[in-house]
C-alpha atoms as a PDB file:
ATOM      1  CA  MET A   1     -15.772 -21.206   5.179  1.00  0.00           C
ATOM      2  CA  ARG A   2     -14.760 -22.635   8.642  1.00  0.00           C
ATOM      3  CA  GLU A   3     -11.374 -21.572   8.888  1.00  0.00           C
ATOM      4  CA  LEU A   4     -12.032 -17.729   8.553  1.00  0.00           C
ATOM      5  CA  GLU A   5     -15.049 -18.156  11.449  1.00  0.00           C
ATOM      6  CA  GLU A   6     -12.453 -19.732  13.753  1.00  0.00           C
ATOM      7  CA  ARG A   7      -9.939 -16.949  13.152  1.00  0.00           C
ATOM      8  CA  ILE A   8     -12.937 -14.433  13.964  1.00  0.00           C
ATOM      9  CA  ARG A   9     -13.594 -16.211  16.754  1.00  0.00           C
ATOM     10  CA  ARG A  10     -10.304 -16.382  18.040  1.00  0.00           C
ATOM     11  CA  ASP A  11      -8.759 -13.015  16.472  1.00  0.00           C
ATOM     12  CA  GLY A  12     -11.918 -10.744  15.827  1.00  0.00           C
ATOM     13  CA  ILE A  13     -12.500  -8.057  18.845  1.00  0.00           C
ATOM     14  CA  VAL A  14     -16.621  -6.686  18.750  1.00  0.00           C
ATOM     15  CA  GLU A  15     -16.694  -3.554  19.802  1.00  0.00           C
ATOM     16  CA  ASP A  16     -20.441  -0.924  20.090  1.00  0.00           C
ATOM     17  CA  GLY A  17     -22.071  -0.022  17.358  1.00  0.00           C
ATOM     18  CA  ASP A  18     -21.593  -3.185  15.489  1.00  0.00           C
ATOM     19  CA  VAL A  19     -17.786  -2.816  14.517  1.00  0.00           C
ATOM     20  CA  LEU A  20     -16.172  -6.048  14.054  1.00  0.00           C
ATOM     21  CA  LYS A  21     -12.216  -5.182  14.300  1.00  0.00           C
ATOM     22  CA  VAL A  22     -10.125  -7.936  11.948  1.00  0.00           C
ATOM     23  CA  ASP A  23      -7.244  -5.636  11.963  1.00  0.00           C
ATOM     24  CA  SER A  24      -5.047  -8.497  13.258  1.00  0.00           C
ATOM     25  CA  PHE A  25      -5.680 -10.670   9.958  1.00  0.00           C
ATOM     26  CA  LEU A  26      -8.194  -9.381   7.218  1.00  0.00           C
ATOM     27  CA  ASN A  27      -7.554  -5.225   6.918  1.00  0.00           C
ATOM     28  CA  HIS A  28      -4.435  -3.816   8.686  1.00  0.00           C
ATOM     29  CA  GLN A  29      -1.817  -6.715   8.973  1.00  0.00           C
ATOM     30  CA  MET A  30      -2.731  -9.545   6.885  1.00  0.00           C
ATOM     31  CA  ASP A  31      -2.776 -13.488   7.065  1.00  0.00           C
ATOM     32  CA  VAL A  32      -1.917 -13.993   3.367  1.00  0.00           C
ATOM     33  CA  GLU A  33      -2.055 -17.928   3.871  1.00  0.00           C
ATOM     34  CA  LEU A  34      -5.998 -17.412   4.693  1.00  0.00           C
ATOM     35  CA  PHE A  35      -6.382 -14.833   1.970  1.00  0.00           C
ATOM     36  CA  ALA A  36      -4.743 -17.884  -0.400  1.00  0.00           C
ATOM     37  CA  ALA A  37      -7.331 -20.276   1.299  1.00  0.00           C
ATOM     38  CA  MET A  38     -10.215 -17.767   0.522  1.00  0.00           C
ATOM     39  CA  GLY A  39      -9.093 -17.192  -3.092  1.00  0.00           C
ATOM     40  CA  ARG A  40      -9.246 -20.881  -3.371  1.00  0.00           C
ATOM     41  CA  GLU A  41     -12.832 -21.279  -2.296  1.00  0.00           C
ATOM     42  CA  TRP A  42     -13.888 -18.529  -4.738  1.00  0.00           C
ATOM     43  CA  ALA A  43     -12.070 -19.897  -7.450  1.00  0.00           C
ATOM     44  CA  ARG A  44     -13.826 -23.080  -6.906  1.00  0.00           C
ATOM     45  CA  LEU A  45     -17.218 -21.037  -6.514  1.00  0.00           C
ATOM     46  CA  PHE A  46     -16.930 -19.311  -9.533  1.00  0.00           C
ATOM     47  CA  ALA A  47     -14.877 -21.773 -11.776  1.00  0.00           C
ATOM     48  CA  GLU A  48     -17.790 -21.777 -14.188  1.00  0.00           C
ATOM     49  CA  GLU A  49     -18.048 -17.955 -14.446  1.00  0.00           C
ATOM     50  CA  GLY A  50     -15.269 -16.944 -17.080  1.00  0.00           C
ATOM     51  CA  VAL A  51     -13.987 -14.558 -14.918  1.00  0.00           C
ATOM     52  CA  ASN A  52     -11.145 -11.909 -16.164  1.00  0.00           C
ATOM     53  CA  LYS A  53     -10.960  -9.750 -14.096  1.00  0.00           C
ATOM     54  CA  ILE A  54     -11.342  -9.130 -10.163  1.00  0.00           C
ATOM     55  CA  LEU A  55     -13.226  -5.459  -9.080  1.00  0.00           C
ATOM     56  CA  THR A  56     -12.384  -4.337  -5.376  1.00  0.00           C
ATOM     57  CA  ILE A  57     -12.618  -0.798  -3.745  1.00  0.00           C
ATOM     58  CA  GLU A  58      -9.504   0.705  -2.099  1.00  0.00           C
ATOM     59  CA  ALA A  59      -8.332   0.236   0.356  1.00  0.00           C
ATOM     60  CA  SER A  60      -8.968  -2.789   2.270  1.00  0.00           C
ATOM     61  CA  GLY A  61     -10.295  -5.215  -0.304  1.00  0.00           C
ATOM     62  CA  ILE A  62      -7.336  -4.852  -2.606  1.00  0.00           C
ATOM     63  CA  GLY A  63      -4.685  -7.654  -0.733  1.00  0.00           C
ATOM     64  CA  ILE A  64      -7.884 -10.196  -0.843  1.00  0.00           C
ATOM     65  CA  ALA A  65      -8.278  -9.138  -4.311  1.00  0.00           C
ATOM     66  CA  CYS A  66      -4.693  -9.295  -5.043  1.00  0.00           C
ATOM     67  CA  VAL A  67      -4.012 -13.231  -3.554  1.00  0.00           C
ATOM     68  CA  ALA A  68      -8.009 -14.566  -5.294  1.00  0.00           C
ATOM     69  CA  ALA A  69      -7.108 -12.822  -8.117  1.00  0.00           C
ATOM     70  CA  GLN A  70      -3.560 -15.281  -8.252  1.00  0.00           C
ATOM     71  CA  GLN A  71      -6.178 -18.307  -7.743  1.00  0.00           C
ATOM     72  CA  PHE A  72      -8.218 -17.196 -11.138  1.00  0.00           C
ATOM     73  CA  GLY A  73      -4.559 -15.975 -13.135  1.00  0.00           C
ATOM     74  CA  VAL A  74      -6.158 -12.543 -13.179  1.00  0.00           C
ATOM     75  CA  PRO A  75      -5.651  -9.216 -13.166  1.00  0.00           C
ATOM     76  CA  VAL A  76      -7.339  -6.352 -10.120  1.00  0.00           C
ATOM     77  CA  VAL A  77      -8.595  -3.027 -10.701  1.00  0.00           C
ATOM     78  CA  PHE A  78      -9.527  -1.355  -7.814  1.00  0.00           C
ATOM     79  CA  ALA A  79     -11.423   1.924  -7.689  1.00  0.00           C
ATOM     80  CA  LYS A  80      -9.502   4.538  -6.030  1.00  0.00           C
ATOM     81  CA  LYS A  81     -11.803   6.907  -3.817  1.00  0.00           C
ATOM     82  CA  SER A  82      -9.717   9.744  -4.422  1.00  0.00           C
ATOM     83  CA  ARG A  83      -8.233  11.387  -8.088  1.00  0.00           C
ATOM     84  CA  THR A  84      -4.885  11.113  -8.675  1.00  0.00           C
ATOM     85  CA  LYS A  85      -2.058  12.611 -10.898  1.00  0.00           C
ATOM     86  CA  ASN A  86      -1.558   9.151 -12.528  1.00  0.00           C
ATOM     87  CA  ILE A  87      -5.399   9.042 -13.420  1.00  0.00           C
ATOM     88  CA  ALA A  88      -5.492  10.549 -16.813  1.00  0.00           C
ATOM     89  CA  GLY A  89      -8.265  11.055 -19.000  1.00  0.00           C
ATOM     90  CA  ASP A  90     -11.890   9.931 -18.591  1.00  0.00           C
ATOM     91  CA  VAL A  91     -13.531   7.705 -15.478  1.00  0.00           C
ATOM     92  CA  TYR A  92     -15.629   6.157 -14.434  1.00  0.00           C
ATOM     93  CA  ARG A  93     -17.093   7.579 -10.810  1.00  0.00           C
ATOM     94  CA  VAL A  94     -19.860   7.389  -8.758  1.00  0.00           C
ATOM     95  CA  GLU A  95     -20.573   8.715  -4.923  1.00  0.00           C
ATOM     96  CA  VAL A  96     -19.762   5.211  -2.256  1.00  0.00           C
ATOM     97  CA  PRO A  97     -20.814   6.126   1.522  1.00  0.00           C
ATOM     98  CA  SER A  98     -18.857   4.486   4.042  1.00  0.00           C
ATOM     99  CA  PHE A  99     -19.918   2.549   6.984  1.00  0.00           C
ATOM    100  CA  THR A 100     -16.907   2.359   8.552  1.00  0.00           C
ATOM    101  CA  HIS A 101     -15.801   6.014   7.516  1.00  0.00           C
ATOM    102  CA  GLY A 102     -19.265   7.487   7.991  1.00  0.00           C
ATOM    103  CA  GLY A 103     -18.668   9.584   5.192  1.00  0.00           C
ATOM    104  CA  VAL A 104     -19.084   9.426   1.246  1.00  0.00           C
ATOM    105  CA  SER A 105     -16.366   9.186  -1.105  1.00  0.00           C
ATOM    106  CA  ASP A 106     -16.051   9.547  -4.844  1.00  0.00           C
ATOM    107  CA  VAL A 107     -15.192   6.648  -6.412  1.00  0.00           C
ATOM    108  CA  ILE A 108     -13.301   6.213  -9.623  1.00  0.00           C
ATOM    109  CA  VAL A 109     -11.509   3.919 -11.899  1.00  0.00           C
ATOM    110  CA  SER A 110     -10.072   4.609 -15.507  1.00  0.00           C
ATOM    111  CA  LYS A 111     -12.005   3.700 -18.303  1.00  0.00           C
ATOM    112  CA  ARG A 112      -9.056   2.058 -19.826  1.00  0.00           C
ATOM    113  CA  PHE A 113      -9.168  -0.967 -17.021  1.00  0.00           C
ATOM    114  CA  LEU A 114     -13.146  -1.907 -17.959  1.00  0.00           C
ATOM    115  CA  GLY A 115     -15.173  -2.579 -20.546  1.00  0.00           C
ATOM    116  CA  PRO A 116     -17.783  -4.565 -22.032  1.00  0.00           C
ATOM    117  CA  ALA A 117     -15.365  -7.967 -22.898  1.00  0.00           C
ATOM    118  CA  ASP A 118     -15.228  -7.684 -18.908  1.00  0.00           C
ATOM    119  CA  ARG A 119     -16.338 -10.836 -17.120  1.00  0.00           C
ATOM    120  CA  LEU A 120     -15.994  -9.000 -13.305  1.00  0.00           C
ATOM    121  CA  LEU A 121     -15.946 -10.944  -9.943  1.00  0.00           C
ATOM    122  CA  LEU A 122     -16.096  -7.729  -6.709  1.00  0.00           C
ATOM    123  CA  ILE A 123     -13.661  -8.644  -3.961  1.00  0.00           C
ATOM    124  CA  ASP A 124     -14.350  -6.876  -0.726  1.00  0.00           C
ATOM    125  CA  ASP A 125     -13.826  -7.181   2.935  1.00  0.00           C
ATOM    126  CA  PHE A 126     -17.125  -6.561   5.002  1.00  0.00           C
ATOM    127  CA  LEU A 127     -20.333  -6.625   3.570  1.00  0.00           C
ATOM    128  CA  ALA A 128     -22.790  -4.928   6.555  1.00  0.00           C
ATOM    129  CA  ASN A 129     -25.078  -2.573   4.135  1.00  0.00           C
ATOM    130  CA  GLY A 130     -23.985  -2.997   0.422  1.00  0.00           C
ATOM    131  CA  ALA A 131     -22.923   0.406  -0.456  1.00  0.00           C
ATOM    132  CA  ALA A 132     -19.148  -0.743  -1.478  1.00  0.00           C
ATOM    133  CA  LEU A 133     -20.759  -3.359  -3.552  1.00  0.00           C
ATOM    134  CA  GLU A 134     -23.266  -1.321  -4.876  1.00  0.00           C
ATOM    135  CA  GLY A 135     -20.920   1.213  -6.215  1.00  0.00           C
ATOM    136  CA  LEU A 136     -18.592  -0.990  -7.702  1.00  0.00           C
ATOM    137  CA  LEU A 137     -22.179  -2.433  -9.617  1.00  0.00           C
ATOM    138  CA  GLU A 138     -22.249   1.349 -10.581  1.00  0.00           C
ATOM    139  CA  LEU A 139     -19.014   1.006 -11.814  1.00  0.00           C
ATOM    140  CA  ALA A 140     -19.515  -1.781 -13.794  1.00  0.00           C
ATOM    141  CA  ARG A 141     -22.802  -0.977 -15.445  1.00  0.00           C
ATOM    142  CA  GLN A 142     -21.601   2.679 -17.029  1.00  0.00           C
ATOM    143  CA  ALA A 143     -18.469   0.002 -18.051  1.00  0.00           C
ATOM    144  CA  GLY A 144     -20.727  -2.417 -19.894  1.00  0.00           C
ATOM    145  CA  ALA A 145     -18.986  -5.105 -17.582  1.00  0.00           C
ATOM    146  CA  LEU A 146     -20.797  -8.331 -17.220  1.00  0.00           C
ATOM    147  CA  VAL A 147     -20.315  -8.953 -13.251  1.00  0.00           C
ATOM    148  CA  VAL A 148     -20.850 -12.760 -12.254  1.00  0.00           C
ATOM    149  CA  GLY A 149     -21.038 -12.019  -8.775  1.00  0.00           C
ATOM    150  CA  ALA A 150     -18.733 -10.879  -5.417  1.00  0.00           C
ATOM    151  CA  GLY A 151     -16.747 -13.139  -2.770  1.00  0.00           C
ATOM    152  CA  VAL A 152     -16.923 -11.321   0.249  1.00  0.00           C
ATOM    153  CA  ALA A 153     -14.925 -12.175   3.196  1.00  0.00           C
ATOM    154  CA  VAL A 154     -16.891 -11.253   6.343  1.00  0.00           C
ATOM    155  CA  GLU A 155     -20.915 -10.273   5.882  1.00  0.00           C
ATOM    156  CA  LYS A 156     -22.765  -9.102   8.645  1.00  0.00           C
ATOM    157  CA  ALA A 157     -26.382 -10.956   7.321  1.00  0.00           C
ATOM    158  CA  PHE A 158     -28.225  -9.002  10.276  1.00  0.00           C
ATOM    159  CA  GLN A 159     -27.935  -5.687   8.277  1.00  0.00           C
ATOM    160  CA  PRO A 160     -29.874  -5.396   4.732  1.00  0.00           C
ATOM    161  CA  GLY A 161     -27.052  -5.388   2.396  1.00  0.00           C
ATOM    162  CA  GLY A 162     -26.260  -9.250   1.796  1.00  0.00           C
ATOM    163  CA  ASP A 163     -30.258  -9.428   1.622  1.00  0.00           C
ATOM    164  CA  ARG A 164     -30.554  -6.223  -0.752  1.00  0.00           C
ATOM    165  CA  LEU A 165     -28.467  -7.456  -3.397  1.00  0.00           C
ATOM    166  CA  ARG A 166     -29.223 -11.082  -4.000  1.00  0.00           C
ATOM    167  CA  ALA A 167     -32.697  -9.268  -4.221  1.00  0.00           C
ATOM    168  CA  LYS A 168     -31.628  -7.811  -7.021  1.00  0.00           C
ATOM    169  CA  GLY A 169     -30.023 -10.624  -8.297  1.00  0.00           C
ATOM    170  CA  LEU A 170     -26.530 -10.314  -7.896  1.00  0.00           C
ATOM    171  CA  ARG A 171     -24.555 -13.905  -6.729  1.00  0.00           C
ATOM    172  CA  VAL A 172     -22.918 -13.425  -3.505  1.00  0.00           C
ATOM    173  CA  GLU A 173     -20.625 -15.792  -1.788  1.00  0.00           C
ATOM    174  CA  SER A 174     -19.774 -14.587   1.557  1.00  0.00           C
ATOM    175  CA  LEU A 175     -17.204 -16.894   3.666  1.00  0.00           C
ATOM    176  CA  ALA A 176     -18.349 -15.946   6.889  1.00  0.00           C
ATOM    177  CA  ARG A 177     -21.384 -15.086   7.580  1.00  0.00           C
ATOM    178  CA  ILE A 178     -22.495 -13.324  10.922  1.00  0.00           C
ATOM    179  CA  GLN A 179     -25.894 -13.521  12.587  1.00  0.00           C
ATOM    180  CA  SER A 180     -25.536 -11.353  15.457  1.00  0.00           C
ATOM    181  CA  MET A 181     -22.892 -10.286  17.208  1.00  0.00           C
ATOM    182  CA  SER A 182     -21.636  -8.213  20.697  1.00  0.00           C
ATOM    183  CA  PRO A 183     -18.536  -7.510  22.823  1.00  0.00           C
ATOM    184  CA  GLY A 184     -17.364 -11.597  23.640  1.00  0.00           C
ATOM    185  CA  HIS A 185     -19.589 -13.247  21.169  1.00  0.00           C
ATOM    186  CA  ILE A 186     -20.452 -14.157  17.702  1.00  0.00           C
ATOM    187  CA  GLU A 187     -22.913 -15.993  16.490  1.00  0.00           C
ATOM    188  CA  PHE A 188     -22.656 -17.265  12.797  1.00  0.00           C
ATOM    189  CA  CYS A 189     -25.553 -18.576  10.435  1.00  0.00           C
END
């Protein structure tokens, strides 16, 4: 998606350690008009899939998922990284390592919100090693839900996650795929 690539070139900051900071428009301060354009693109790409829910993971994927869900006219379910008092009853649970945070999170979704009747589109802000999406796939498997694909804002195509998920048969539609990056330089696929 050219609009997202241009924004990354203009406002993205590449730091050492394969870190791309897009916090000025994607995952701290959010450009909702850009999110709407991204949602329209995923709605076009997945129009024939019968999506009835969007599943994402806390926290940076939530804003993008909500705006995308408006395009589909469906609810968003987000996997929480910790159990809170307002999640009562049974949950689906999986451990997910985080590239960004460098730890492992116990990720949960209440069984009330996912089930066999669901046709899920997974949405996330970044795809690097693929752990977050693999965690969401596992939650969907536990629920008996069908995952029709994944919409990703930014994929670091030089890292193994996207290739591994596609090899498993997951349809991944990344709106910006980065081939390589270094401070002051970003090359898209």
